[in-house]
Amino acid sequence: LKPEDTSVYYCKFTVGPTGPAYWGGGTQVTV
């Protein structure tokens, strides 16, 4: 990990061939 990787990370799951997409609430990563 590098300091440039510091961010809030969000996951996204897509269901079906084209969507819909669902997002997580985020988790903080600090380097």
Full PDB file with SEQRES, HELIX, SHEET, SSBOND, CRYST1, ORIGX, SCALE, CONECT and MASTER records, all heavy atoms in Angstrom:
SEQRES   1 A   31  LEU LYS PRO GLU ASP THR SER VAL TYR TYR CYS LYS PHE          
SEQRES   2 A   31  THR VAL GLY PRO THR GLY PRO ALA TYR TRP GLY GLY GLY          
SEQRES   3 A   31  THR GLN VAL THR VAL                                          
HELIX    1 AA1 PRO A    3  ASP A    5  5                                   3    
SHEET    1 AA1 2 SER A   7  TYR A   9  0                                        
SHEET    2 AA1 2 THR A  27  VAL A  29 -1                                        
SHEET    1 AA2 2 LYS A  12  THR A  14  0                                        
SHEET    2 AA2 2 ALA A  21  TRP A  23 -1                                        
CRYST1    1.000    1.000    1.000  90.00  90.00  90.00 P 1           1          
ORIGX1      1.000000  0.000000  0.000000        0.00000                         
ORIGX2      0.000000  1.000000  0.000000        0.00000                         
ORIGX3      0.000000  0.000000  1.000000        0.00000                         
SCALE1      1.000000  0.000000  0.000000        0.00000                         
SCALE2      0.000000  1.000000  0.000000        0.00000                         
SCALE3      0.000000  0.000000  1.000000        0.00000                         
ATOM      1  N   LEU A   1       0.821  -1.205   0.000  1.00  0.00           N  
ATOM      2  CA  LEU A   1       0.000   0.000   0.000  1.00  0.00           C  
ATOM      3  C   LEU A   1       0.858   1.261   0.000  1.00  0.00           C  
ATOM      4  O   LEU A   1       1.936   1.303   0.603  1.00  0.00           O  
ATOM      5  CB  LEU A   1      -0.933   0.005   1.200  1.00  0.00           C  
ATOM      6  CG  LEU A   1      -2.155  -0.907   1.058  1.00  0.00           C  
ATOM      7  CD1 LEU A   1      -2.800  -1.175   2.409  1.00  0.00           C  
ATOM      8  CD2 LEU A   1      -3.168  -0.283   0.104  1.00  0.00           C  
ATOM      9  N   LYS A   2       0.355   2.263  -0.684  1.00  0.00           N  
ATOM     10  CA  LYS A   2       1.013   3.546  -0.813  1.00  0.00           C  
ATOM     11  C   LYS A   2       0.112   4.642  -0.255  1.00  0.00           C  
ATOM     12  O   LYS A   2      -1.106   4.483  -0.216  1.00  0.00           O  
ATOM     13  CB  LYS A   2       1.316   3.843  -2.285  1.00  0.00           C  
ATOM     14  CG  LYS A   2       2.123   2.781  -2.998  1.00  0.00           C  
ATOM     15  CD  LYS A   2       2.261   3.117  -4.476  1.00  0.00           C  
ATOM     16  CE  LYS A   2       3.055   2.059  -5.204  1.00  0.00           C  
ATOM     17  NZ  LYS A   2       3.186   2.373  -6.649  1.00  0.00           N  
ATOM     18  N   PRO A   3       0.696   5.759   0.162  1.00  0.00           N  
ATOM     19  CA  PRO A   3      -0.141   6.863   0.643  1.00  0.00           C  
ATOM     20  C   PRO A   3      -1.199   7.297  -0.367  1.00  0.00           C  
ATOM     21  O   PRO A   3      -2.284   7.724   0.030  1.00  0.00           O  
ATOM     22  CB  PRO A   3       0.880   7.981   0.897  1.00  0.00           C  
ATOM     23  CG  PRO A   3       2.135   7.252   1.233  1.00  0.00           C  
ATOM     24  CD  PRO A   3       2.128   6.037   0.340  1.00  0.00           C  
ATOM     25  N   GLU A   4      -0.903   7.163  -1.646  1.00  0.00           N  
ATOM     26  CA  GLU A   4      -1.853   7.528  -2.682  1.00  0.00           C  
ATOM     27  C   GLU A   4      -3.096   6.645  -2.681  1.00  0.00           C  
ATOM     28  O   GLU A   4      -4.097   6.996  -3.309  1.00  0.00           O  
ATOM     29  CB  GLU A   4      -1.197   7.457  -4.069  1.00  0.00           C  
ATOM     30  CG  GLU A   4       0.082   8.257  -4.192  1.00  0.00           C  
ATOM     31  CD  GLU A   4       1.305   7.434  -3.850  1.00  0.00           C  
ATOM     32  OE1 GLU A   4       1.682   7.392  -2.661  1.00  0.00           O  
ATOM     33  OE2 GLU A   4       1.891   6.835  -4.777  1.00  0.00           O  
ATOM     34  N   ASP A   5      -3.035   5.495  -2.009  1.00  0.00           N  
ATOM     35  CA  ASP A   5      -4.185   4.605  -1.917  1.00  0.00           C  
ATOM     36  C   ASP A   5      -5.173   5.042  -0.843  1.00  0.00           C  
ATOM     37  O   ASP A   5      -6.263   4.469  -0.742  1.00  0.00           O  
ATOM     38  CB  ASP A   5      -3.736   3.170  -1.623  1.00  0.00           C  
ATOM     39  CG  ASP A   5      -2.873   2.586  -2.726  1.00  0.00           C  
ATOM     40  OD1 ASP A   5      -3.213   2.780  -3.907  1.00  0.00           O  
ATOM     41  OD2 ASP A   5      -1.869   1.924  -2.392  1.00  0.00           O  
ATOM     42  N   THR A   6      -4.794   6.012  -0.038  1.00  0.00           N  
ATOM     43  CA  THR A   6      -5.674   6.498   1.009  1.00  0.00           C  
ATOM     44  C   THR A   6      -6.982   6.996   0.417  1.00  0.00           C  
ATOM     45  O   THR A   6      -6.988   7.848  -0.474  1.00  0.00           O  
ATOM     46  CB  THR A   6      -5.007   7.620   1.804  1.00  0.00           C  
ATOM     47  OG1 THR A   6      -3.866   7.103   2.491  1.00  0.00           O  
ATOM     48  CG2 THR A   6      -5.970   8.214   2.827  1.00  0.00           C  
ATOM     49  N   SER A   7      -8.079   6.454   0.905  1.00  0.00           N  
ATOM     50  CA  SER A   7      -9.387   6.811   0.363  1.00  0.00           C  
ATOM     51  C   SER A   7     -10.462   6.070   1.144  1.00  0.00           C  
ATOM     52  O   SER A   7     -10.162   5.216   1.984  1.00  0.00           O  
ATOM     53  CB  SER A   7      -9.467   6.449  -1.124  1.00  0.00           C  
ATOM     54  OG  SER A   7     -10.658   6.939  -1.712  1.00  0.00           O  
ATOM     55  N   VAL A   8     -11.691   6.384   0.849  1.00  0.00           N  
ATOM     56  CA  VAL A   8     -12.813   5.570   1.278  1.00  0.00           C  
ATOM     57  C   VAL A   8     -13.112   4.594   0.146  1.00  0.00           C  
ATOM     58  O   VAL A   8     -13.263   5.002  -1.006  1.00  0.00           O  
ATOM     59  CB  VAL A   8     -14.061   6.405   1.605  1.00  0.00           C  
ATOM     60  CG1 VAL A   8     -15.233   5.496   1.986  1.00  0.00           C  
ATOM     61  CG2 VAL A   8     -13.764   7.376   2.739  1.00  0.00           C  
ATOM     62  N   TYR A   9     -13.175   3.319   0.472  1.00  0.00           N  
ATOM     63  CA  TYR A   9     -13.393   2.284  -0.526  1.00  0.00           C  
ATOM     64  C   TYR A   9     -14.832   1.790  -0.468  1.00  0.00           C  
ATOM     65  O   TYR A   9     -15.361   1.504   0.610  1.00  0.00           O  
ATOM     66  CB  TYR A   9     -12.429   1.113  -0.308  1.00  0.00           C  
ATOM     67  CG  TYR A   9     -11.033   1.420  -0.773  1.00  0.00           C  
ATOM     68  CD1 TYR A   9     -10.236   2.321  -0.072  1.00  0.00           C  
ATOM     69  CD2 TYR A   9     -10.516   0.836  -1.932  1.00  0.00           C  
ATOM     70  CE1 TYR A   9      -8.968   2.630  -0.506  1.00  0.00           C  
ATOM     71  CE2 TYR A   9      -9.241   1.139  -2.366  1.00  0.00           C  
ATOM     72  CZ  TYR A   9      -8.465   2.035  -1.657  1.00  0.00           C  
ATOM     73  OH  TYR A   9      -7.201   2.339  -2.093  1.00  0.00           O  
ATOM     74  N   TYR A  10     -15.453   1.692  -1.624  1.00  0.00           N  
ATOM     75  CA  TYR A  10     -16.838   1.273  -1.750  1.00  0.00           C  
ATOM     76  C   TYR A  10     -16.930   0.047  -2.647  1.00  0.00           C  
ATOM     77  O   TYR A  10     -16.267  -0.019  -3.683  1.00  0.00           O  
ATOM     78  CB  TYR A  10     -17.691   2.378  -2.378  1.00  0.00           C  
ATOM     79  CG  TYR A  10     -17.734   3.664  -1.599  1.00  0.00           C  
ATOM     80  CD1 TYR A  10     -16.761   4.630  -1.771  1.00  0.00           C  
ATOM     81  CD2 TYR A  10     -18.768   3.913  -0.704  1.00  0.00           C  
ATOM     82  CE1 TYR A  10     -16.801   5.822  -1.058  1.00  0.00           C  
ATOM     83  CE2 TYR A  10     -18.823   5.098   0.006  1.00  0.00           C  
ATOM     84  CZ  TYR A  10     -17.837   6.049  -0.173  1.00  0.00           C  
ATOM     85  OH  TYR A  10     -17.887   7.227   0.525  1.00  0.00           O  
ATOM     86  N   CYS A  11     -17.772  -0.899  -2.274  1.00  0.00           N  
ATOM     87  CA  CYS A  11     -18.029  -2.031  -3.150  1.00  0.00           C  
ATOM     88  C   CYS A  11     -19.308  -1.787  -3.934  1.00  0.00           C  
ATOM     89  O   CYS A  11     -20.202  -1.059  -3.497  1.00  0.00           O  
ATOM     90  CB  CYS A  11     -18.111  -3.346  -2.376  1.00  0.00           C  
ATOM     91  SG  CYS A  11     -19.426  -3.449  -1.150  1.00  0.00           S  
ATOM     92  N   LYS A  12     -19.371  -2.404  -5.095  1.00  0.00           N  
ATOM     93  CA  LYS A  12     -20.545  -2.310  -5.956  1.00  0.00           C  
ATOM     94  C   LYS A  12     -20.829  -3.680  -6.551  1.00  0.00           C  
ATOM     95  O   LYS A  12     -19.950  -4.288  -7.164  1.00  0.00           O  
ATOM     96  CB  LYS A  12     -20.323  -1.299  -7.088  1.00  0.00           C  
ATOM     97  CG  LYS A  12     -21.546  -1.130  -7.984  1.00  0.00           C  
ATOM     98  CD  LYS A  12     -21.299  -0.166  -9.144  1.00  0.00           C  
ATOM     99  CE  LYS A  12     -20.499  -0.833 -10.243  1.00  0.00           C  
ATOM    100  NZ  LYS A  12     -20.413   0.046 -11.455  1.00  0.00           N  
ATOM    101  N   PHE A  13     -22.041  -4.158  -6.354  1.00  0.00           N  
ATOM    102  CA  PHE A  13     -22.487  -5.417  -6.935  1.00  0.00           C  
ATOM    103  C   PHE A  13     -23.532  -5.120  -7.996  1.00  0.00           C  
ATOM    104  O   PHE A  13     -24.450  -4.339  -7.763  1.00  0.00           O  
ATOM    105  CB  PHE A  13     -23.105  -6.336  -5.883  1.00  0.00           C  
ATOM    106  CG  PHE A  13     -22.136  -6.954  -4.914  1.00  0.00           C  
ATOM    107  CD1 PHE A  13     -20.799  -6.612  -4.909  1.00  0.00           C  
ATOM    108  CD2 PHE A  13     -22.576  -7.899  -3.995  1.00  0.00           C  
ATOM    109  CE1 PHE A  13     -19.914  -7.184  -4.005  1.00  0.00           C  
ATOM    110  CE2 PHE A  13     -21.703  -8.483  -3.091  1.00  0.00           C  
ATOM    111  CZ  PHE A  13     -20.366  -8.122  -3.099  1.00  0.00           C  
ATOM    112  N   THR A  14     -23.399  -5.768  -9.132  1.00  0.00           N  
ATOM    113  CA  THR A  14     -24.362  -5.639 -10.212  1.00  0.00           C  
ATOM    114  C   THR A  14     -25.095  -6.954 -10.386  1.00  0.00           C  
ATOM    115  O   THR A  14     -24.465  -8.006 -10.485  1.00  0.00           O  
ATOM    116  CB  THR A  14     -23.672  -5.249 -11.520  1.00  0.00           C  
ATOM    117  OG1 THR A  14     -22.969  -4.018 -11.347  1.00  0.00           O  
ATOM    118  CG2 THR A  14     -24.694  -5.088 -12.636  1.00  0.00           C  
ATOM    119  N   VAL A  15     -26.426  -6.892 -10.430  1.00  0.00           N  
ATOM    120  CA  VAL A  15     -27.234  -8.093 -10.624  1.00  0.00           C  
ATOM    121  C   VAL A  15     -27.839  -8.063 -12.015  1.00  0.00           C  
ATOM    122  O   VAL A  15     -28.130  -7.001 -12.564  1.00  0.00           O  
ATOM    123  CB  VAL A  15     -28.338  -8.221  -9.562  1.00  0.00           C  
ATOM    124  CG1 VAL A  15     -27.720  -8.309  -8.173  1.00  0.00           C  
ATOM    125  CG2 VAL A  15     -29.309  -7.060  -9.635  1.00  0.00           C  
ATOM    126  N   GLY A  16     -28.034  -9.242 -12.578  1.00  0.00           N  
ATOM    127  CA  GLY A  16     -28.535  -9.326 -13.940  1.00  0.00           C  
ATOM    128  C   GLY A  16     -27.465  -8.950 -14.934  1.00  0.00           C  
ATOM    129  O   GLY A  16     -26.365  -8.517 -14.567  1.00  0.00           O  
ATOM    130  N   PRO A  17     -27.773  -9.090 -16.205  1.00  0.00           N  
ATOM    131  CA  PRO A  17     -26.761  -8.804 -17.231  1.00  0.00           C  
ATOM    132  C   PRO A  17     -26.297  -7.351 -17.231  1.00  0.00           C  
ATOM    133  O   PRO A  17     -25.123  -7.090 -17.551  1.00  0.00           O  
ATOM    134  CB  PRO A  17     -27.488  -9.148 -18.533  1.00  0.00           C  
ATOM    135  CG  PRO A  17     -28.551 -10.120 -18.131  1.00  0.00           C  
ATOM    136  CD  PRO A  17     -28.999  -9.660 -16.783  1.00  0.00           C  
ATOM    137  N   THR A  18     -27.170  -6.416 -16.913  1.00  0.00           N  
ATOM    138  CA  THR A  18     -26.815  -5.001 -16.993  1.00  0.00           C  
ATOM    139  C   THR A  18     -27.116  -4.212 -15.722  1.00  0.00           C  
ATOM    140  O   THR A  18     -26.908  -2.999 -15.682  1.00  0.00           O  
ATOM    141  CB  THR A  18     -27.558  -4.329 -18.159  1.00  0.00           C  
ATOM    142  OG1 THR A  18     -28.964  -4.441 -17.962  1.00  0.00           O  
ATOM    143  CG2 THR A  18     -27.175  -4.981 -19.489  1.00  0.00           C  
ATOM    144  N   GLY A  19     -27.605  -4.836 -14.698  1.00  0.00           N  
ATOM    145  CA  GLY A  19     -27.924  -4.124 -13.483  1.00  0.00           C  
ATOM    146  C   GLY A  19     -29.201  -4.621 -12.871  1.00  0.00           C  
ATOM    147  O   GLY A  19     -29.777  -5.606 -13.358  1.00  0.00           O  
ATOM    148  N   PRO A  20     -29.663  -3.974 -11.827  1.00  0.00           N  
ATOM    149  CA  PRO A  20     -29.190  -2.729 -11.211  1.00  0.00           C  
ATOM    150  C   PRO A  20     -27.913  -2.932 -10.406  1.00  0.00           C  
ATOM    151  O   PRO A  20     -27.475  -4.055 -10.189  1.00  0.00           O  
ATOM    152  CB  PRO A  20     -30.348  -2.318 -10.298  1.00  0.00           C  
ATOM    153  CG  PRO A  20     -30.953  -3.619  -9.885  1.00  0.00           C  
ATOM    154  CD  PRO A  20     -30.874  -4.492 -11.116  1.00  0.00           C  
ATOM    155  N   ALA A  21     -27.336  -1.824  -9.990  1.00  0.00           N  
ATOM    156  CA  ALA A  21     -26.141  -1.840  -9.180  1.00  0.00           C  
ATOM    157  C   ALA A  21     -26.459  -1.405  -7.758  1.00  0.00           C  
ATOM    158  O   ALA A  21     -27.285  -0.518  -7.542  1.00  0.00           O  
ATOM    159  CB  ALA A  21     -25.078  -0.920  -9.776  1.00  0.00           C  
ATOM    160  N   TYR A  22     -25.794  -2.028  -6.806  1.00  0.00           N  
ATOM    161  CA  TYR A  22     -25.955  -1.695  -5.402  1.00  0.00           C  
ATOM    162  C   TYR A  22     -24.603  -1.326  -4.825  1.00  0.00           C  
ATOM    163  O   TYR A  22     -23.585  -1.935  -5.162  1.00  0.00           O  
ATOM    164  CB  TYR A  22     -26.549  -2.874  -4.628  1.00  0.00           C  
ATOM    165  CG  TYR A  22     -27.926  -3.280  -5.104  1.00  0.00           C  
ATOM    166  CD1 TYR A  22     -28.081  -4.219  -6.113  1.00  0.00           C  
ATOM    167  CD2 TYR A  22     -29.065  -2.711  -4.557  1.00  0.00           C  
ATOM    168  CE1 TYR A  22     -29.346  -4.581  -6.564  1.00  0.00           C  
ATOM    169  CE2 TYR A  22     -30.325  -3.071  -4.999  1.00  0.00           C  
ATOM    170  CZ  TYR A  22     -30.460  -4.008  -6.005  1.00  0.00           C  
ATOM    171  OH  TYR A  22     -31.718  -4.364  -6.447  1.00  0.00           O  
ATOM    172  N   TRP A  23     -24.609  -0.339  -3.947  1.00  0.00           N  
ATOM    173  CA  TRP A  23     -23.375   0.178  -3.364  1.00  0.00           C  
ATOM    174  C   TRP A  23     -23.330  -0.036  -1.864  1.00  0.00           C  
ATOM    175  O   TRP A  23     -24.343   0.040  -1.175  1.00  0.00           O  
ATOM    176  CB  TRP A  23     -23.248   1.681  -3.624  1.00  0.00           C  
ATOM    177  CG  TRP A  23     -23.009   2.050  -5.049  1.00  0.00           C  
ATOM    178  CD1 TRP A  23     -23.945   2.275  -6.015  1.00  0.00           C  
ATOM    179  CD2 TRP A  23     -21.739   2.254  -5.669  1.00  0.00           C  
ATOM    180  NE1 TRP A  23     -23.344   2.610  -7.201  1.00  0.00           N  
ATOM    181  CE2 TRP A  23     -21.984   2.602  -7.014  1.00  0.00           C  
ATOM    182  CE3 TRP A  23     -20.423   2.186  -5.224  1.00  0.00           C  
ATOM    183  CZ2 TRP A  23     -20.955   2.879  -7.913  1.00  0.00           C  
ATOM    184  CZ3 TRP A  23     -19.402   2.456  -6.113  1.00  0.00           C  
ATOM    185  CH2 TRP A  23     -19.673   2.801  -7.441  1.00  0.00           C  
ATOM    186  N   GLY A  24     -22.129  -0.290  -1.355  1.00  0.00           N  
ATOM    187  CA  GLY A  24     -21.912  -0.327   0.071  1.00  0.00           C  
ATOM    188  C   GLY A  24     -21.709   1.070   0.621  1.00  0.00           C  
ATOM    189  O   GLY A  24     -21.599   2.043  -0.118  1.00  0.00           O  
ATOM    190  N   GLY A  25     -21.654   1.169   1.935  1.00  0.00           N  
ATOM    191  CA  GLY A  25     -21.523   2.460   2.588  1.00  0.00           C  
ATOM    192  C   GLY A  25     -20.106   2.986   2.697  1.00  0.00           C  
ATOM    193  O   GLY A  25     -19.910   4.153   3.064  1.00  0.00           O  
ATOM    194  N   GLY A  26     -19.111   2.165   2.393  1.00  0.00           N  
ATOM    195  CA  GLY A  26     -17.731   2.616   2.375  1.00  0.00           C  
ATOM    196  C   GLY A  26     -16.955   2.246   3.631  1.00  0.00           C  
ATOM    197  O   GLY A  26     -17.512   2.141   4.726  1.00  0.00           O  
ATOM    198  N   THR A  27     -15.666   2.044   3.455  1.00  0.00           N  
ATOM    199  CA  THR A  27     -14.757   1.780   4.563  1.00  0.00           C  
ATOM    200  C   THR A  27     -13.470   2.566   4.337  1.00  0.00           C  
ATOM    201  O   THR A  27     -12.944   2.609   3.229  1.00  0.00           O  
ATOM    202  CB  THR A  27     -14.469   0.266   4.710  1.00  0.00           C  
ATOM    203  OG1 THR A  27     -13.662   0.035   5.869  1.00  0.00           O  
ATOM    204  CG2 THR A  27     -13.761  -0.299   3.484  1.00  0.00           C  
ATOM    205  N   GLN A  28     -12.982   3.207   5.379  1.00  0.00           N  
ATOM    206  CA  GLN A  28     -11.820   4.088   5.267  1.00  0.00           C  
ATOM    207  C   GLN A  28     -10.521   3.294   5.252  1.00  0.00           C  
ATOM    208  O   GLN A  28     -10.308   2.416   6.085  1.00  0.00           O  
ATOM    209  CB  GLN A  28     -11.792   5.082   6.425  1.00  0.00           C  
ATOM    210  CG  GLN A  28     -10.574   5.997   6.449  1.00  0.00           C  
ATOM    211  CD  GLN A  28     -10.593   7.019   5.339  1.00  0.00           C  
ATOM    212  OE1 GLN A  28     -11.612   7.686   5.128  1.00  0.00           O  
ATOM    213  NE2 GLN A  28      -9.475   7.154   4.623  1.00  0.00           N  
ATOM    214  N   VAL A  29      -9.655   3.639   4.315  1.00  0.00           N  
ATOM    215  CA  VAL A  29      -8.298   3.099   4.251  1.00  0.00           C  
ATOM    216  C   VAL A  29      -7.329   4.272   4.297  1.00  0.00           C  
ATOM    217  O   VAL A  29      -7.417   5.185   3.480  1.00  0.00           O  
ATOM    218  CB  VAL A  29      -8.068   2.272   2.971  1.00  0.00           C  
ATOM    219  CG1 VAL A  29      -6.591   1.911   2.819  1.00  0.00           C  
ATOM    220  CG2 VAL A  29      -8.924   1.019   2.990  1.00  0.00           C  
ATOM    221  N   THR A  30      -6.420   4.248   5.262  1.00  0.00           N  
ATOM    222  CA  THR A  30      -5.437   5.313   5.412  1.00  0.00           C  
ATOM    223  C   THR A  30      -4.043   4.709   5.411  1.00  0.00           C  
ATOM    224  O   THR A  30      -3.754   3.799   6.194  1.00  0.00           O  
ATOM    225  CB  THR A  30      -5.664   6.093   6.710  1.00  0.00           C  
ATOM    226  OG1 THR A  30      -6.983   6.643   6.724  1.00  0.00           O  
ATOM    227  CG2 THR A  30      -4.648   7.223   6.832  1.00  0.00           C  
ATOM    228  N   VAL A  31      -3.179   5.215   4.541  1.00  0.00           N  
ATOM    229  CA  VAL A  31      -1.814   4.724   4.418  1.00  0.00           C  
ATOM    230  C   VAL A  31      -0.872   5.886   4.706  1.00  0.00           C  
ATOM    231  O   VAL A  31      -0.900   6.902   4.009  1.00  0.00           O  
ATOM    232  CB  VAL A  31      -1.536   4.147   3.030  1.00  0.00           C  
ATOM    233  CG1 VAL A  31      -0.140   3.539   2.989  1.00  0.00           C  
ATOM    234  CG2 VAL A  31      -2.587   3.109   2.659  1.00  0.00           C  
TER     235      VAL A  31                                                      
MASTER        0    0    0    1    4    0    0    6  234    1    0    3          
END                                                                             
